[in-house]
Amino acid sequence: MSHLRQPRDVELLLKTFREVFDILRRLGIRYIWIDRFCIVQDSEADWQTQASVMGEIYKTSFVCISGLGAPDDDAGCFYD
């Protein structure tokens, strides 16, 4: 997972994630938790481990941005 801590070209991400990074940059927020990237998706054990601390993660967050209702990860945060 250490490779996820390295700088990446944001333009390679899907639109929703690019927009989230733009929002965070404008707010001056340097750290982000994205379930899709922070939890090993095909590992039931990792899901169980992370799910047990997710409440604490979200409880101590500054802001929570959710893409609920989006048809897919490339729809963006703001769509018709």
C-alpha atoms as a PDB file:
ATOM      1  CA  MET A   1       0.000   0.000   0.000  1.00  0.00           C
ATOM      2  CA  SER A   2       2.996   2.344   0.314  1.00  0.00           C
ATOM      3  CA  HIS A   3       2.816   2.970  -3.442  1.00  0.00           C
ATOM      4  CA  LEU A   4      -0.474   4.810  -2.812  1.00  0.00           C
ATOM      5  CA  ARG A   5       1.386   7.404  -0.742  1.00  0.00           C
ATOM      6  CA  GLN A   6       3.481   8.486  -3.724  1.00  0.00           C
ATOM      7  CA  PRO A   7       2.474  11.516  -5.827  1.00  0.00           C
ATOM      8  CA  ARG A   8       0.452  10.563  -8.882  1.00  0.00           C
ATOM      9  CA  ASP A   9      -0.849  12.350 -11.945  1.00  0.00           C
ATOM     10  CA  VAL A  10      -4.383  13.266 -10.887  1.00  0.00           C
ATOM     11  CA  GLU A  11      -5.406  13.558 -14.544  1.00  0.00           C
ATOM     12  CA  LEU A  12      -5.156   9.766 -14.836  1.00  0.00           C
ATOM     13  CA  LEU A  13      -7.988   9.337 -12.311  1.00  0.00           C
ATOM     14  CA  LEU A  14     -11.674   9.127 -13.152  1.00  0.00           C
ATOM     15  CA  LYS A  15     -13.619  12.404 -13.170  1.00  0.00           C
ATOM     16  CA  THR A  16     -15.221  11.940  -9.741  1.00  0.00           C
ATOM     17  CA  PHE A  17     -11.842  11.462  -8.066  1.00  0.00           C
ATOM     18  CA  ARG A  18     -10.296  14.393  -9.978  1.00  0.00           C
ATOM     19  CA  GLU A  19     -13.121  16.630  -8.768  1.00  0.00           C
ATOM     20  CA  VAL A  20     -12.701  15.445  -5.176  1.00  0.00           C
ATOM     21  CA  PHE A  21      -8.975  16.225  -5.298  1.00  0.00           C
ATOM     22  CA  ASP A  22      -9.782  19.687  -6.678  1.00  0.00           C
ATOM     23  CA  ILE A  23     -12.285  20.302  -3.856  1.00  0.00           C
ATOM     24  CA  LEU A  24      -9.734  19.203  -1.250  1.00  0.00           C
ATOM     25  CA  ARG A  25      -7.005  21.356  -2.794  1.00  0.00           C
ATOM     26  CA  ARG A  26      -9.302  24.396  -2.636  1.00  0.00           C
ATOM     27  CA  LEU A  27     -10.063  23.636   1.020  1.00  0.00           C
ATOM     28  CA  GLY A  28      -6.369  23.203   1.828  1.00  0.00           C
ATOM     29  CA  ILE A  29      -6.809  19.557   2.835  1.00  0.00           C
ATOM     30  CA  ARG A  30      -3.718  17.404   2.298  1.00  0.00           C
ATOM     31  CA  TYR A  31      -4.942  13.921   3.228  1.00  0.00           C
ATOM     32  CA  ILE A  32      -7.783  11.804   1.925  1.00  0.00           C
ATOM     33  CA  TRP A  33      -9.369   8.441   2.659  1.00  0.00           C
ATOM     34  CA  ILE A  34     -11.012   6.781  -0.339  1.00  0.00           C
ATOM     35  CA  ASP A  35     -12.406   3.352   0.499  1.00  0.00           C
ATOM     36  CA  ARG A  36     -11.723   2.126  -3.008  1.00  0.00           C
ATOM     37  CA  PHE A  37      -8.015   2.931  -2.674  1.00  0.00           C
ATOM     38  CA  CYS A  38      -7.474   2.460   1.074  1.00  0.00           C
ATOM     39  CA  ILE A  39      -9.111  -0.960   1.391  1.00  0.00           C
ATOM     40  CA  VAL A  40      -7.870  -3.947  -0.584  1.00  0.00           C
ATOM     41  CA  GLN A  41     -11.038  -4.561  -2.584  1.00  0.00           C
ATOM     42  CA  ASP A  42     -10.667  -8.300  -3.104  1.00  0.00           C
ATOM     43  CA  SER A  43      -9.632  -9.058   0.490  1.00  0.00           C
ATOM     44  CA  GLU A  44     -12.403 -10.020   2.895  1.00  0.00           C
ATOM     45  CA  ALA A  45      -9.885  -9.853   5.757  1.00  0.00           C
ATOM     46  CA  ASP A  46      -8.884  -6.281   4.883  1.00  0.00           C
ATOM     47  CA  TRP A  47     -12.539  -5.273   4.567  1.00  0.00           C
ATOM     48  CA  GLN A  48     -13.234  -6.685   8.029  1.00  0.00           C
ATOM     49  CA  THR A  49     -10.213  -4.932   9.527  1.00  0.00           C
ATOM     50  CA  GLN A  50     -10.961  -1.571   7.924  1.00  0.00           C
ATOM     51  CA  ALA A  51     -14.705  -1.771   8.573  1.00  0.00           C
ATOM     52  CA  SER A  52     -13.971  -2.102  12.280  1.00  0.00           C
ATOM     53  CA  VAL A  53     -12.190   1.286  12.327  1.00  0.00           C
ATOM     54  CA  MET A  54     -14.233   3.091   9.678  1.00  0.00           C
ATOM     55  CA  GLY A  55     -16.413   4.800  12.266  1.00  0.00           C
ATOM     56  CA  GLU A  56     -13.315   6.320  13.856  1.00  0.00           C
ATOM     57  CA  ILE A  57     -11.960   7.375  10.468  1.00  0.00           C
ATOM     58  CA  TYR A  58     -15.147   9.192   9.530  1.00  0.00           C
ATOM     59  CA  LYS A  59     -15.715  10.552  13.047  1.00  0.00           C
ATOM     60  CA  THR A  60     -12.392  12.379  13.004  1.00  0.00           C
ATOM     61  CA  SER A  61     -12.659  13.623   9.423  1.00  0.00           C
ATOM     62  CA  PHE A  62     -12.854  17.303   8.551  1.00  0.00           C
ATOM     63  CA  VAL A  63     -15.235  16.737   5.650  1.00  0.00           C
ATOM     64  CA  CYS A  64     -16.932  13.760   4.037  1.00  0.00           C
ATOM     65  CA  ILE A  65     -17.599  13.800   0.300  1.00  0.00           C
ATOM     66  CA  SER A  66     -19.764  11.011  -1.028  1.00  0.00           C
ATOM     67  CA  GLY A  67     -20.715  10.145  -4.580  1.00  0.00           C
ATOM     68  CA  LEU A  68     -24.046   8.599  -3.652  1.00  0.00           C
ATOM     69  CA  GLY A  69     -26.369   8.303  -6.603  1.00  0.00           C
ATOM     70  CA  ALA A  70     -23.665   8.659  -9.220  1.00  0.00           C
ATOM     71  CA  PRO A  71     -24.098   6.144 -12.034  1.00  0.00           C
ATOM     72  CA  ASP A  72     -20.352   5.370 -12.002  1.00  0.00           C
ATOM     73  CA  ASP A  73     -16.970   6.679 -10.825  1.00  0.00           C
ATOM     74  CA  ASP A  74     -16.535   8.810 -13.944  1.00  0.00           C
ATOM     75  CA  ALA A  75     -19.789  10.802 -13.598  1.00  0.00           C
ATOM     76  CA  GLY A  76     -18.193  13.434 -11.402  1.00  0.00           C
ATOM     77  CA  CYS A  77     -19.353  14.918  -8.124  1.00  0.00           C
ATOM     78  CA  PHE A  78     -21.737  17.270  -9.876  1.00  0.00           C
ATOM     79  CA  TYR A  79     -23.872  15.816 -12.636  1.00  0.00           C
ATOM     80  CA  ASP A  80     -27.364  16.068 -14.093  1.00  0.00           C
END
